[in-house]
Each structure stands twice: as C-alpha cells, then as structure tokens.
Amino acid sequence: MARRRVRKQPMSQINVVPYIDVMLVMLVVFMITAPMLTEGVRVDLPGSAQSEPVEDNNKEPLVVTVDRTGRFFLGNQEQAITDADLLPKVMAVLRRDPTTQVLVKGDRAVDYGAVVHVMGLLRRAGASKVGLITDQAETPLPPRPSPKNRDLSGFRGFLF
C-alpha cells in the first residue's frame, strides 16, 4: 500500500498573543520605573506662604539641588557634582539659551551658606536671575509686627 503524503500548507497568519504578553510586561515595567527617572534627589523643602508659581514658558528650568549634607546635584542626576564641574555645565546651558530659568532647590536642614554658595556659583556662570524652590506653606504666616510695636525685651545681642 502506498501512503499518500499530505502536504502542509504554510500558515499565513502571525500569532500575536506572545507579542501582546511582552508588550503588557513592558508597559508595567515602564509604569513602575518612569516616576523614578524624574525624581532626582529627595530634599525636604522649606515652606513659604508668599511663594509664587514659576512661569510656565514650556521650557525646562535648570534646577540645582542642595541636599541636607551640602552636596549639590544638577538636574535629576543622582550623582553629586563639584564646583569645578557645575560652572562649565551651567555656562553651556545658558550659552545655548540665555533665557533658561535657573532655580535652586535647597533642603530645609542644609546650612544657609551652602545655598548661598551655589547661588554665587550660578551667578558666576552667567545666570542673571536665580530663583528658590519652596513648598507652599500649609498656614499663612502671621503679619509682621510694625517696628514701633516690636517687643525687644527678650532680645540679647547688639543692635546697629
């Protein structure tokens, strides 16, 4: 008896189920990692009731972050940067677009001198204006007393 060979015809359809599975896994991975990429260095910002929102001119501002130990970071980088590295990078950004907003995001617990030092570096790099990033205060600050009604009985120090 002779056996007849059955010829299999090639399938002309693509099985897309494995591709959909891979796409869903990639979607989940990107949804988890995307917020981590834009976070940068976490700092505890001081609050201010008088702060105003930054103008939204569709350009990304240049942000220098000062953490609680006094180290500073450029943009969303998580590696500290030195004075010598900060100046040329800021100069290059400002040379490309002089209207770029320059902002400092300083931790609440950082030494005031560290924030002033970074602001001085930014000014030396060519930033005409340097802004400070703060959180909105939950409660407005009480009104300042007038100089005539100021009680200085507990003050110990020198007045100039």
N, C-alpha and C. Protein backbone atom coordinates (compact mmCIF):
# COMPACT_ATOMS: atom_id res chain seq x y z
N MET A 1 0.81 -1.17 0.00
CA MET A 1 0.00 0.00 0.00
C MET A 1 0.86 1.24 0.00
N ALA A 2 0.52 2.03 -0.81
CA ALA A 2 1.25 3.29 -0.92
C ALA A 2 0.60 4.33 -0.02
N ARG A 3 1.47 4.97 0.72
CA ARG A 3 0.97 6.05 1.60
C ARG A 3 0.98 7.36 0.84
N ARG A 4 -0.07 8.08 1.05
CA ARG A 4 -0.14 9.39 0.44
C ARG A 4 0.45 10.43 1.38
N ARG A 5 1.29 11.21 0.84
CA ARG A 5 1.87 12.27 1.65
C ARG A 5 0.97 13.48 1.62
N VAL A 6 0.65 13.96 2.82
CA VAL A 6 -0.19 15.15 2.91
C VAL A 6 0.73 16.35 3.03
N ARG A 7 0.55 17.24 2.16
CA ARG A 7 1.37 18.44 2.19
C ARG A 7 0.75 19.48 3.12
N LYS A 8 1.57 19.97 4.06
CA LYS A 8 1.08 21.03 4.95
C LYS A 8 1.33 22.37 4.27
N GLN A 9 0.30 23.15 4.25
CA GLN A 9 0.44 24.47 3.66
C GLN A 9 0.97 25.42 4.72
N PRO A 10 1.82 26.35 4.32
CA PRO A 10 2.34 27.31 5.30
C PRO A 10 1.21 28.19 5.83
N MET A 11 1.34 28.51 7.12
CA MET A 11 0.32 29.34 7.76
C MET A 11 0.59 30.80 7.40
N SER A 12 -0.39 31.52 6.98
CA SER A 12 -0.19 32.89 6.54
C SER A 12 -0.59 33.91 7.61
N GLN A 13 -0.83 33.48 8.82
CA GLN A 13 -1.20 34.39 9.90
C GLN A 13 -0.11 34.37 10.96
N ILE A 14 0.09 35.51 11.58
CA ILE A 14 1.09 35.62 12.64
C ILE A 14 0.37 35.50 13.97
N ASN A 15 0.93 34.72 14.85
CA ASN A 15 0.36 34.58 16.18
C ASN A 15 0.84 35.77 17.02
N VAL A 16 -0.06 36.69 17.36
CA VAL A 16 0.31 37.92 18.05
C VAL A 16 0.17 37.82 19.57
N VAL A 17 -0.31 36.71 20.08
CA VAL A 17 -0.50 36.58 21.53
C VAL A 17 0.82 36.75 22.29
N PRO A 18 1.93 36.13 21.88
CA PRO A 18 3.17 36.36 22.62
C PRO A 18 3.63 37.82 22.58
N TYR A 19 3.39 38.51 21.47
CA TYR A 19 3.77 39.92 21.39
C TYR A 19 2.95 40.77 22.34
N ILE A 20 1.69 40.47 22.48
CA ILE A 20 0.83 41.21 23.41
C ILE A 20 1.30 40.98 24.84
N ASP A 21 1.68 39.76 25.17
CA ASP A 21 2.19 39.48 26.52
C ASP A 21 3.44 40.29 26.81
N VAL A 22 4.35 40.31 25.87
CA VAL A 22 5.59 41.08 26.05
C VAL A 22 5.29 42.57 26.18
N MET A 23 4.37 43.08 25.39
CA MET A 23 4.01 44.50 25.46
C MET A 23 3.42 44.85 26.82
N LEU A 24 2.58 43.99 27.36
CA LEU A 24 1.98 44.27 28.67
C LEU A 24 3.04 44.26 29.77
N VAL A 25 3.97 43.33 29.70
CA VAL A 25 5.05 43.30 30.70
C VAL A 25 5.89 44.56 30.59
N MET A 26 6.21 44.97 29.38
CA MET A 26 7.00 46.19 29.21
C MET A 26 6.24 47.42 29.70
N LEU A 27 4.95 47.46 29.48
CA LEU A 27 4.13 48.57 29.97
C LEU A 27 4.20 48.67 31.49
N VAL A 28 4.07 47.55 32.16
CA VAL A 28 4.14 47.54 33.63
C VAL A 28 5.52 48.00 34.10
N VAL A 29 6.57 47.51 33.46
CA VAL A 29 7.93 47.89 33.85
C VAL A 29 8.14 49.38 33.68
N PHE A 30 7.70 49.94 32.55
CA PHE A 30 7.88 51.37 32.32
C PHE A 30 7.02 52.21 33.25
N MET A 31 5.83 51.72 33.60
CA MET A 31 4.99 52.47 34.53
C MET A 31 5.62 52.53 35.91
N ILE A 32 6.34 51.51 36.28
CA ILE A 32 6.99 51.48 37.59
C ILE A 32 8.25 52.34 37.59
N THR A 33 9.03 52.27 36.53
CA THR A 33 10.32 52.96 36.51
C THR A 33 10.24 54.42 36.10
N ALA A 34 9.23 54.84 35.37
CA ALA A 34 9.15 56.22 34.89
C ALA A 34 9.16 57.25 36.01
N PRO A 35 8.41 57.09 37.09
CA PRO A 35 8.49 58.11 38.16
C PRO A 35 9.87 58.17 38.81
N MET A 36 10.59 57.08 38.82
CA MET A 36 11.91 57.07 39.43
C MET A 36 12.91 57.86 38.60
N LEU A 37 12.71 57.93 37.30
CA LEU A 37 13.65 58.62 36.43
C LEU A 37 13.56 60.12 36.58
N THR A 38 12.42 60.66 36.91
CA THR A 38 12.26 62.11 37.02
C THR A 38 12.36 62.60 38.46
N GLU A 39 12.61 61.73 39.39
CA GLU A 39 12.62 62.11 40.80
C GLU A 39 13.85 62.93 41.16
N GLY A 40 15.04 62.49 40.81
CA GLY A 40 16.25 63.18 41.21
C GLY A 40 16.55 62.91 42.67
N VAL A 41 17.08 63.91 43.36
CA VAL A 41 17.45 63.78 44.76
C VAL A 41 16.31 64.30 45.61
N ARG A 42 15.97 63.54 46.64
CA ARG A 42 14.89 63.97 47.53
C ARG A 42 15.42 64.96 48.56
N VAL A 43 14.72 66.07 48.69
CA VAL A 43 15.05 67.06 49.70
C VAL A 43 13.76 67.50 50.38
N ASP A 44 13.90 67.90 51.63
CA ASP A 44 12.77 68.41 52.40
C ASP A 44 12.75 69.92 52.22
N LEU A 45 11.87 70.41 51.34
CA LEU A 45 11.85 71.82 51.00
C LEU A 45 11.22 72.65 52.11
N PRO A 46 11.76 73.85 52.34
CA PRO A 46 11.11 74.75 53.30
C PRO A 46 9.83 75.31 52.68
N GLY A 47 8.90 75.72 53.52
CA GLY A 47 7.63 76.26 53.04
C GLY A 47 7.63 77.77 53.07
N SER A 48 6.79 78.35 52.24
CA SER A 48 6.64 79.79 52.21
C SER A 48 5.23 80.11 51.75
N ALA A 49 4.53 80.94 52.53
CA ALA A 49 3.17 81.32 52.17
C ALA A 49 3.19 82.36 51.05
N GLN A 50 4.28 83.05 50.88
CA GLN A 50 4.37 84.12 49.90
C GLN A 50 4.98 83.67 48.58
N SER A 51 5.25 82.39 48.42
CA SER A 51 5.88 81.93 47.18
C SER A 51 4.89 81.98 46.03
N GLU A 52 5.43 82.23 44.86
CA GLU A 52 4.62 82.31 43.65
C GLU A 52 5.02 81.19 42.71
N PRO A 53 4.08 80.67 41.92
CA PRO A 53 4.45 79.60 40.99
C PRO A 53 5.40 80.10 39.91
N VAL A 54 6.23 79.19 39.43
CA VAL A 54 7.18 79.52 38.38
C VAL A 54 6.42 79.70 37.08
N GLU A 55 6.86 80.67 36.28
CA GLU A 55 6.22 80.90 34.98
C GLU A 55 6.39 79.66 34.11
N ASP A 56 5.31 79.26 33.49
CA ASP A 56 5.36 78.09 32.62
C ASP A 56 5.52 78.57 31.18
N ASN A 57 6.77 78.57 30.70
CA ASN A 57 7.01 79.00 29.34
C ASN A 57 7.42 77.82 28.46
N ASN A 58 6.99 76.63 28.83
CA ASN A 58 7.23 75.39 28.07
C ASN A 58 8.70 75.06 27.93
N LYS A 59 9.56 75.67 28.73
CA LYS A 59 10.97 75.33 28.73
C LYS A 59 11.31 74.74 30.10
N GLU A 60 12.10 73.72 30.07
CA GLU A 60 12.52 73.08 31.32
C GLU A 60 13.52 73.98 32.03
N PRO A 61 13.28 74.32 33.31
CA PRO A 61 14.25 75.15 34.03
C PRO A 61 15.47 74.32 34.42
N LEU A 62 16.57 74.99 34.66
CA LEU A 62 17.79 74.36 35.15
C LEU A 62 17.71 74.36 36.66
N VAL A 63 17.65 73.18 37.28
CA VAL A 63 17.48 73.07 38.73
C VAL A 63 18.75 72.50 39.34
N VAL A 64 19.26 73.20 40.35
CA VAL A 64 20.40 72.71 41.13
C VAL A 64 19.86 72.38 42.52
N THR A 65 20.05 71.14 42.95
CA THR A 65 19.54 70.68 44.24
C THR A 65 20.67 70.64 45.25
N VAL A 66 20.41 71.16 46.46
CA VAL A 66 21.36 71.09 47.56
C VAL A 66 20.74 70.20 48.62
N ASP A 67 21.39 69.06 48.93
CA ASP A 67 20.81 68.15 49.92
C ASP A 67 21.22 68.55 51.33
N ARG A 68 20.76 67.81 52.31
CA ARG A 68 20.98 68.20 53.71
C ARG A 68 22.43 68.16 54.14
N THR A 69 23.29 67.46 53.38
CA THR A 69 24.72 67.41 53.73
C THR A 69 25.52 68.50 53.02
N GLY A 70 24.88 69.26 52.14
CA GLY A 70 25.56 70.35 51.45
C GLY A 70 26.06 69.97 50.07
N ARG A 71 25.88 68.72 49.66
CA ARG A 71 26.28 68.33 48.31
C ARG A 71 25.26 68.87 47.32
N PHE A 72 25.68 69.15 46.11
CA PHE A 72 24.71 69.63 45.14
C PHE A 72 24.71 68.79 43.88
N PHE A 73 23.53 68.82 43.23
CA PHE A 73 23.23 67.96 42.09
C PHE A 73 22.61 68.82 41.00
N LEU A 74 22.96 68.51 39.76
CA LEU A 74 22.45 69.27 38.62
C LEU A 74 21.32 68.50 37.97
N GLY A 75 20.16 69.12 37.83
CA GLY A 75 19.01 68.48 37.20
C GLY A 75 18.51 67.30 38.01
N ASN A 76 18.23 66.19 37.33
CA ASN A 76 17.73 65.00 38.00
C ASN A 76 18.83 63.98 38.26
N GLN A 77 20.07 64.38 38.14
CA GLN A 77 21.18 63.46 38.38
C GLN A 77 21.22 63.07 39.85
N GLU A 78 21.62 61.84 40.10
CA GLU A 78 21.72 61.39 41.47
C GLU A 78 23.17 61.30 41.93
N GLN A 79 24.09 61.83 41.13
CA GLN A 79 25.50 61.85 41.50
C GLN A 79 25.87 63.30 41.79
N ALA A 80 26.52 63.51 42.96
CA ALA A 80 26.89 64.86 43.36
C ALA A 80 27.87 65.45 42.36
N ILE A 81 27.85 66.77 42.25
CA ILE A 81 28.70 67.49 41.30
C ILE A 81 29.55 68.48 42.08
N THR A 82 30.75 68.75 41.60
CA THR A 82 31.66 69.68 42.28
C THR A 82 31.52 71.07 41.69
N ASP A 83 32.13 72.05 42.37
CA ASP A 83 32.13 73.43 41.86
C ASP A 83 32.72 73.50 40.46
N ALA A 84 33.84 72.80 40.28
CA ALA A 84 34.55 72.84 39.00
C ALA A 84 33.72 72.23 37.88
N ASP A 85 32.86 71.26 38.18
CA ASP A 85 32.03 70.64 37.16
C ASP A 85 30.75 71.44 36.92
N LEU A 86 30.25 72.10 37.96
CA LEU A 86 28.99 72.83 37.84
C LEU A 86 29.11 74.04 36.91
N LEU A 87 30.16 74.82 37.08
CA LEU A 87 30.31 76.05 36.30
C LEU A 87 30.28 75.83 34.80
N PRO A 88 31.09 74.93 34.22
CA PRO A 88 31.04 74.79 32.76
C PRO A 88 29.71 74.23 32.25
N LYS A 89 29.08 73.36 33.03
CA LYS A 89 27.81 72.80 32.57
C LYS A 89 26.72 73.86 32.55
N VAL A 90 26.67 74.69 33.59
CA VAL A 90 25.66 75.76 33.62
C VAL A 90 25.96 76.79 32.54
N MET A 91 27.25 77.10 32.34
CA MET A 91 27.61 78.06 31.29
C MET A 91 27.18 77.55 29.92
N ALA A 92 27.34 76.25 29.67
CA ALA A 92 26.95 75.68 28.38
C ALA A 92 25.45 75.78 28.17
N VAL A 93 24.67 75.50 29.22
CA VAL A 93 23.21 75.58 29.11
C VAL A 93 22.78 77.02 28.85
N LEU A 94 23.37 77.96 29.58
CA LEU A 94 22.99 79.36 29.41
C LEU A 94 23.50 79.95 28.10
N ARG A 95 24.60 79.43 27.59
CA ARG A 95 25.10 79.87 26.29
C ARG A 95 24.14 79.43 25.19
N ARG A 96 23.61 78.21 25.33
CA ARG A 96 22.66 77.68 24.35
C ARG A 96 21.35 78.47 24.38
N ASP A 97 20.86 78.79 25.60
CA ASP A 97 19.61 79.53 25.74
C ASP A 97 19.71 80.44 26.97
N PRO A 98 20.04 81.71 26.77
CA PRO A 98 20.21 82.63 27.91
C PRO A 98 18.94 82.89 28.72
N THR A 99 17.76 82.56 28.17
CA THR A 99 16.51 82.81 28.89
C THR A 99 16.11 81.64 29.78
N THR A 100 16.96 80.63 29.91
CA THR A 100 16.65 79.47 30.76
C THR A 100 16.53 79.91 32.21
N GLN A 101 15.45 79.49 32.87
CA GLN A 101 15.28 79.79 34.29
C GLN A 101 16.24 78.94 35.10
N VAL A 102 16.88 79.54 36.08
CA VAL A 102 17.81 78.83 36.95
C VAL A 102 17.22 78.84 38.35
N LEU A 103 17.01 77.64 38.91
CA LEU A 103 16.37 77.51 40.22
C LEU A 103 17.23 76.67 41.14
N VAL A 104 17.18 76.99 42.44
CA VAL A 104 17.90 76.23 43.46
C VAL A 104 16.86 75.58 44.36
N LYS A 105 17.03 74.29 44.57
CA LYS A 105 16.13 73.52 45.45
C LYS A 105 16.96 73.07 46.64
N GLY A 106 16.85 73.79 47.75
CA GLY A 106 17.67 73.51 48.93
C GLY A 106 16.87 72.82 50.02
N ASP A 107 17.49 71.85 50.67
CA ASP A 107 16.84 71.13 51.76
C ASP A 107 16.63 72.07 52.95
N ARG A 108 15.59 71.81 53.70
CA ARG A 108 15.25 72.62 54.87
C ARG A 108 16.38 72.60 55.91
N ALA A 109 17.08 71.47 56.03
CA ALA A 109 18.09 71.31 57.07
C ALA A 109 19.50 71.70 56.63
N VAL A 110 19.68 72.12 55.38
CA VAL A 110 21.02 72.44 54.89
C VAL A 110 21.48 73.77 55.47
N ASP A 111 22.78 73.91 55.62
CA ASP A 111 23.37 75.16 56.08
C ASP A 111 23.07 76.25 55.06
N TYR A 112 22.66 77.40 55.52
CA TYR A 112 22.30 78.51 54.65
C TYR A 112 23.46 78.89 53.74
N GLY A 113 24.67 78.77 54.26
CA GLY A 113 25.86 79.11 53.48
C GLY A 113 26.02 78.26 52.24
N ALA A 114 25.60 77.00 52.30
CA ALA A 114 25.72 76.11 51.14
C ALA A 114 24.80 76.57 50.01
N VAL A 115 23.60 77.01 50.35
CA VAL A 115 22.66 77.51 49.33
C VAL A 115 23.20 78.80 48.73
N VAL A 116 23.72 79.69 49.56
CA VAL A 116 24.27 80.95 49.07
C VAL A 116 25.48 80.69 48.18
N HIS A 117 26.31 79.70 48.55
CA HIS A 117 27.48 79.33 47.75
C HIS A 117 27.05 78.87 46.35
N VAL A 118 26.04 78.02 46.28
CA VAL A 118 25.55 77.54 44.98
C VAL A 118 24.96 78.70 44.18
N MET A 119 24.23 79.58 44.85
CA MET A 119 23.67 80.74 44.14
C MET A 119 24.78 81.61 43.57
N GLY A 120 25.87 81.79 44.33
CA GLY A 120 27.02 82.55 43.83
C GLY A 120 27.66 81.89 42.63
N LEU A 121 27.78 80.56 42.67
CA LEU A 121 28.34 79.83 41.53
C LEU A 121 27.48 80.02 40.29
N LEU A 122 26.16 79.96 40.47
CA LEU A 122 25.26 80.12 39.34
C LEU A 122 25.35 81.53 38.76
N ARG A 123 25.48 82.52 39.62
CA ARG A 123 25.62 83.89 39.15
C ARG A 123 26.95 84.06 38.39
N ARG A 124 28.01 83.43 38.91
CA ARG A 124 29.31 83.50 38.24
C ARG A 124 29.26 82.79 36.88
N ALA A 125 28.41 81.78 36.75
CA ALA A 125 28.28 81.05 35.49
C ALA A 125 27.48 81.84 34.46
N GLY A 126 26.83 82.93 34.88
CA GLY A 126 26.13 83.77 33.92
C GLY A 126 24.62 83.84 34.11
N ALA A 127 24.09 83.27 35.18
CA ALA A 127 22.65 83.34 35.42
C ALA A 127 22.31 84.73 35.93
N SER A 128 21.43 85.43 35.21
CA SER A 128 21.07 86.79 35.63
C SER A 128 20.11 86.77 36.81
N LYS A 129 19.25 85.76 36.87
CA LYS A 129 18.31 85.60 37.98
C LYS A 129 18.39 84.18 38.48
N VAL A 130 18.39 84.02 39.79
CA VAL A 130 18.39 82.68 40.39
C VAL A 130 17.20 82.62 41.35
N GLY A 131 16.31 81.65 41.15
CA GLY A 131 15.13 81.51 42.00
C GLY A 131 15.30 80.38 42.99
N LEU A 132 14.49 80.40 44.03
CA LEU A 132 14.48 79.35 45.04
C LEU A 132 13.17 78.58 44.95
N ILE A 133 13.26 77.25 45.03
CA ILE A 133 12.06 76.41 45.00
C ILE A 133 11.66 76.13 46.44
N THR A 134 10.38 76.35 46.75
CA THR A 134 9.85 76.08 48.09
C THR A 134 8.55 75.31 47.96
N ASP A 135 8.10 74.75 49.09
CA ASP A 135 6.77 74.17 49.17
C ASP A 135 5.81 75.27 49.61
N GLN A 136 4.54 75.13 49.23
CA GLN A 136 3.54 76.06 49.74
C GLN A 136 3.33 75.76 51.23
N ALA A 137 3.34 76.78 52.05
CA ALA A 137 3.11 76.60 53.47
C ALA A 137 1.64 76.26 53.70
N GLU A 138 1.39 75.37 54.66
CA GLU A 138 0.01 74.98 54.95
C GLU A 138 -0.79 76.13 55.54
N THR A 139 -0.18 76.89 56.43
CA THR A 139 -0.87 78.01 57.06
C THR A 139 -0.13 79.28 56.71
N PRO A 140 -0.85 80.36 56.44
CA PRO A 140 -0.15 81.60 56.12
C PRO A 140 0.60 82.12 57.34
N LEU A 141 1.68 82.82 57.07
CA LEU A 141 2.47 83.39 58.15
C LEU A 141 1.71 84.53 58.81
N PRO A 142 1.90 84.72 60.12
CA PRO A 142 1.24 85.85 60.77
C PRO A 142 1.83 87.15 60.26
N PRO A 143 1.05 88.23 60.30
CA PRO A 143 1.58 89.51 59.82
C PRO A 143 2.76 89.96 60.67
N ARG A 144 3.72 90.60 60.02
CA ARG A 144 4.90 91.08 60.75
C ARG A 144 4.52 92.28 61.60
N PRO A 145 5.02 92.32 62.83
CA PRO A 145 4.72 93.49 63.66
C PRO A 145 5.46 94.72 63.13
N SER A 146 4.85 95.87 63.32
CA SER A 146 5.50 97.09 62.87
C SER A 146 6.68 97.38 63.79
N PRO A 147 7.70 98.08 63.30
CA PRO A 147 8.88 98.34 64.13
C PRO A 147 8.58 99.11 65.40
N LYS A 148 7.51 99.91 65.40
CA LYS A 148 7.18 100.69 66.59
C LYS A 148 6.66 99.81 67.71
N ASN A 149 5.91 98.75 67.38
CA ASN A 149 5.30 97.89 68.39
C ASN A 149 6.12 96.64 68.69
N ARG A 150 7.34 96.56 68.22
CA ARG A 150 8.15 95.37 68.40
C ARG A 150 8.63 95.28 69.84
N ASP A 151 8.43 94.12 70.45
CA ASP A 151 8.85 93.88 71.83
C ASP A 151 10.25 93.27 71.80
N LEU A 152 11.23 94.02 72.29
CA LEU A 152 12.61 93.55 72.29
C LEU A 152 13.09 93.20 73.69
N SER A 153 12.17 92.95 74.61
CA SER A 153 12.58 92.70 75.99
C SER A 153 13.38 91.39 76.11
N GLY A 154 13.08 90.37 75.30
CA GLY A 154 13.80 89.11 75.39
C GLY A 154 15.01 89.04 74.48
N PHE A 155 15.29 90.11 73.74
CA PHE A 155 16.39 90.10 72.78
C PHE A 155 17.71 90.36 73.49
N ARG A 156 18.66 89.53 73.19
CA ARG A 156 20.01 89.73 73.74
C ARG A 156 20.97 89.75 72.56
N GLY A 157 21.58 90.84 72.34
CA GLY A 157 22.51 90.97 71.23
C GLY A 157 22.79 92.42 70.96
N PHE A 158 23.38 92.68 69.85
CA PHE A 158 23.75 94.04 69.51
C PHE A 158 22.81 94.56 68.43
N LEU A 159 22.42 95.80 68.57
CA LEU A 159 21.64 96.48 67.55
C LEU A 159 22.53 97.52 66.90
N PHE A 160 22.53 97.54 65.59
CA PHE A 160 23.35 98.52 64.88
C PHE A 160 22.47 99.56 64.26
